[in-house]
């Protein structure tokens, strides 16, 4: 939290905070932090992937799918994208 206060315009700080909140099982806080990171750097594949991960953890299929569709435009790693897609598809079944 302190790093975000010192550098509120650095998206990576919000992503770090989101990762911390995941480790504390505070998924709603993680979601708020990753959304801020994505708002600051919308073309970051790393932050968008984290957003998909948190949406999946929250069980929000529609949001995970929407974020995945955007991530596909930002990421070249087809194997990784396939693994992410499989996690989202599991939510639908």
C-alpha atoms as a PDB file:
ATOM      1  CA  UNK A   1       0.000   0.000   0.000  1.00  0.00           C
ATOM      2  CA  UNK A   2       2.861   2.358   0.877  1.00  0.00           C
ATOM      3  CA  UNK A   3       4.427   1.959  -2.588  1.00  0.00           C
ATOM      4  CA  UNK A   4       1.138   2.989  -4.194  1.00  0.00           C
ATOM      5  CA  UNK A   5       0.947   6.071  -1.977  1.00  0.00           C
ATOM      6  CA  UNK A   6       4.492   7.081  -2.951  1.00  0.00           C
ATOM      7  CA  UNK A   7       4.001   6.401  -6.693  1.00  0.00           C
ATOM      8  CA  UNK A   8       0.267   6.576  -7.436  1.00  0.00           C
ATOM      9  CA  UNK A   9       0.771   6.842 -11.217  1.00  0.00           C
ATOM     10  CA  UNK A  10       2.887   3.700 -11.545  1.00  0.00           C
ATOM     11  CA  UNK A  11       0.734   0.832 -12.754  1.00  0.00           C
ATOM     12  CA  UNK A  12       3.269  -1.746 -11.605  1.00  0.00           C
ATOM     13  CA  UNK A  13       2.701  -0.672  -7.993  1.00  0.00           C
ATOM     14  CA  UNK A  14      -1.013  -1.433  -8.298  1.00  0.00           C
ATOM     15  CA  UNK A  15      -0.215  -4.800  -9.887  1.00  0.00           C
ATOM     16  CA  UNK A  16       2.150  -5.588  -7.006  1.00  0.00           C
ATOM     17  CA  UNK A  17      -0.577  -4.611  -4.563  1.00  0.00           C
ATOM     18  CA  UNK A  18      -3.051  -6.856  -6.402  1.00  0.00           C
ATOM     19  CA  UNK A  19      -0.615  -9.760  -6.132  1.00  0.00           C
ATOM     20  CA  UNK A  20      -0.222  -9.093  -2.418  1.00  0.00           C
ATOM     21  CA  UNK A  21      -3.995  -9.067  -1.955  1.00  0.00           C
ATOM     22  CA  UNK A  22      -4.228 -12.406  -3.800  1.00  0.00           C
ATOM     23  CA  UNK A  23      -1.703 -13.878  -1.378  1.00  0.00           C
ATOM     24  CA  UNK A  24      -3.901 -12.649   1.485  1.00  0.00           C
ATOM     25  CA  UNK A  25      -7.020 -14.065  -0.198  1.00  0.00           C
ATOM     26  CA  UNK A  26      -8.464 -10.547  -0.465  1.00  0.00           C
ATOM     27  CA  UNK A  27      -9.773 -10.947  -3.986  1.00  0.00           C
ATOM     28  CA  UNK A  28     -12.059  -7.902  -4.011  1.00  0.00           C
ATOM     29  CA  UNK A  29      -9.118  -5.693  -3.054  1.00  0.00           C
ATOM     30  CA  UNK A  30      -6.955  -7.466  -5.629  1.00  0.00           C
ATOM     31  CA  UNK A  31      -9.593  -6.762  -8.277  1.00  0.00           C
ATOM     32  CA  UNK A  32      -9.709  -3.046  -7.422  1.00  0.00           C
ATOM     33  CA  UNK A  33      -5.919  -2.815  -7.581  1.00  0.00           C
ATOM     34  CA  UNK A  34      -5.530  -4.651 -10.878  1.00  0.00           C
ATOM     35  CA  UNK A  35      -8.274  -2.539 -12.478  1.00  0.00           C
ATOM     36  CA  UNK A  36      -6.291   0.576 -11.525  1.00  0.00           C
ATOM     37  CA  UNK A  37      -3.117  -0.939 -13.008  1.00  0.00           C
ATOM     38  CA  UNK A  38      -4.961  -1.717 -16.249  1.00  0.00           C
ATOM     39  CA  UNK A  39      -6.486   1.777 -16.326  1.00  0.00           C
ATOM     40  CA  UNK A  40      -2.983   3.244 -16.130  1.00  0.00           C
ATOM     41  CA  UNK A  41      -1.444   0.834 -18.673  1.00  0.00           C
ATOM     42  CA  UNK A  42      -4.255  -0.678 -20.758  1.00  0.00           C
ATOM     43  CA  UNK A  43      -1.886  -2.297 -23.275  1.00  0.00           C
ATOM     44  CA  UNK A  44       0.080  -4.246 -20.693  1.00  0.00           C
ATOM     45  CA  UNK A  45      -0.322  -7.965 -21.328  1.00  0.00           C
ATOM     46  CA  UNK A  46       1.045  -8.670 -17.851  1.00  0.00           C
ATOM     47  CA  UNK A  47      -1.577  -6.576 -16.080  1.00  0.00           C
ATOM     48  CA  UNK A  48      -4.406  -7.827 -18.283  1.00  0.00           C
ATOM     49  CA  UNK A  49      -3.372 -11.419 -17.615  1.00  0.00           C
ATOM     50  CA  UNK A  50      -3.457 -10.680 -13.892  1.00  0.00           C
ATOM     51  CA  UNK A  51      -6.935  -9.231 -14.393  1.00  0.00           C
ATOM     52  CA  UNK A  52      -8.098 -12.436 -16.082  1.00  0.00           C
ATOM     53  CA  UNK A  53      -6.595 -14.487 -13.265  1.00  0.00           C
ATOM     54  CA  UNK A  54      -8.391 -12.494 -10.578  1.00  0.00           C
ATOM     55  CA  UNK A  55     -11.693 -12.592 -12.485  1.00  0.00           C
ATOM     56  CA  UNK A  56     -11.375 -16.395 -12.680  1.00  0.00           C
ATOM     57  CA  UNK A  57     -10.577 -16.588  -8.966  1.00  0.00           C
ATOM     58  CA  UNK A  58     -13.651 -14.479  -8.253  1.00  0.00           C
ATOM     59  CA  UNK A  59     -15.749 -16.812 -10.412  1.00  0.00           C
ATOM     60  CA  UNK A  60     -16.763 -13.984 -12.735  1.00  0.00           C
ATOM     61  CA  UNK A  61     -17.000 -15.787 -16.081  1.00  0.00           C
ATOM     62  CA  UNK A  62     -18.215 -12.804 -18.118  1.00  0.00           C
ATOM     63  CA  UNK A  63     -15.438 -10.541 -16.863  1.00  0.00           C
ATOM     64  CA  UNK A  64     -12.795 -13.244 -17.321  1.00  0.00           C
ATOM     65  CA  UNK A  65     -13.974 -13.835 -20.901  1.00  0.00           C
ATOM     66  CA  UNK A  66     -14.028 -10.112 -21.675  1.00  0.00           C
ATOM     67  CA  UNK A  67     -10.532  -9.625 -20.253  1.00  0.00           C
ATOM     68  CA  UNK A  68      -9.277 -12.707 -22.111  1.00  0.00           C
ATOM     69  CA  UNK A  69     -10.569 -11.349 -25.419  1.00  0.00           C
ATOM     70  CA  UNK A  70      -8.526  -8.202 -24.843  1.00  0.00           C
ATOM     71  CA  UNK A  71      -5.492 -10.191 -23.684  1.00  0.00           C
ATOM     72  CA  UNK A  72      -5.495 -12.163 -26.955  1.00  0.00           C
ATOM     73  CA  UNK A  73      -4.737  -8.913 -28.779  1.00  0.00           C
ATOM     74  CA  UNK A  74      -1.822  -8.121 -26.478  1.00  0.00           C
ATOM     75  CA  UNK A  75      -0.086 -11.484 -25.982  1.00  0.00           C
ATOM     76  CA  UNK A  76       1.788 -13.606 -28.509  1.00  0.00           C
ATOM     77  CA  UNK A  77       2.303 -16.678 -26.312  1.00  0.00           C
ATOM     78  CA  UNK A  78      -0.295 -19.037 -27.800  1.00  0.00           C
ATOM     79  CA  UNK A  79       0.359 -21.852 -25.311  1.00  0.00           C
ATOM     80  CA  UNK A  80      -0.170 -19.530 -22.380  1.00  0.00           C
ATOM     81  CA  UNK A  81      -3.316 -18.112 -23.958  1.00  0.00           C
ATOM     82  CA  UNK A  82      -4.637 -21.649 -24.463  1.00  0.00           C
ATOM     83  CA  UNK A  83      -4.035 -22.479 -20.797  1.00  0.00           C
ATOM     84  CA  UNK A  84      -5.867 -19.311 -19.748  1.00  0.00           C
ATOM     85  CA  UNK A  85      -8.743 -20.094 -22.112  1.00  0.00           C
ATOM     86  CA  UNK A  86      -9.045 -23.585 -20.650  1.00  0.00           C
ATOM     87  CA  UNK A  87      -9.353 -22.131 -17.129  1.00  0.00           C
ATOM     88  CA  UNK A  88     -12.148 -19.843 -18.330  1.00  0.00           C
ATOM     89  CA  UNK A  89     -13.888 -22.656 -20.230  1.00  0.00           C
ATOM     90  CA  UNK A  90     -13.864 -24.772 -17.057  1.00  0.00           C
ATOM     91  CA  UNK A  91     -15.912 -22.054 -15.380  1.00  0.00           C
ATOM     92  CA  UNK A  92     -18.648 -22.401 -17.996  1.00  0.00           C
ATOM     93  CA  UNK A  93     -19.070 -26.127 -17.524  1.00  0.00           C
END
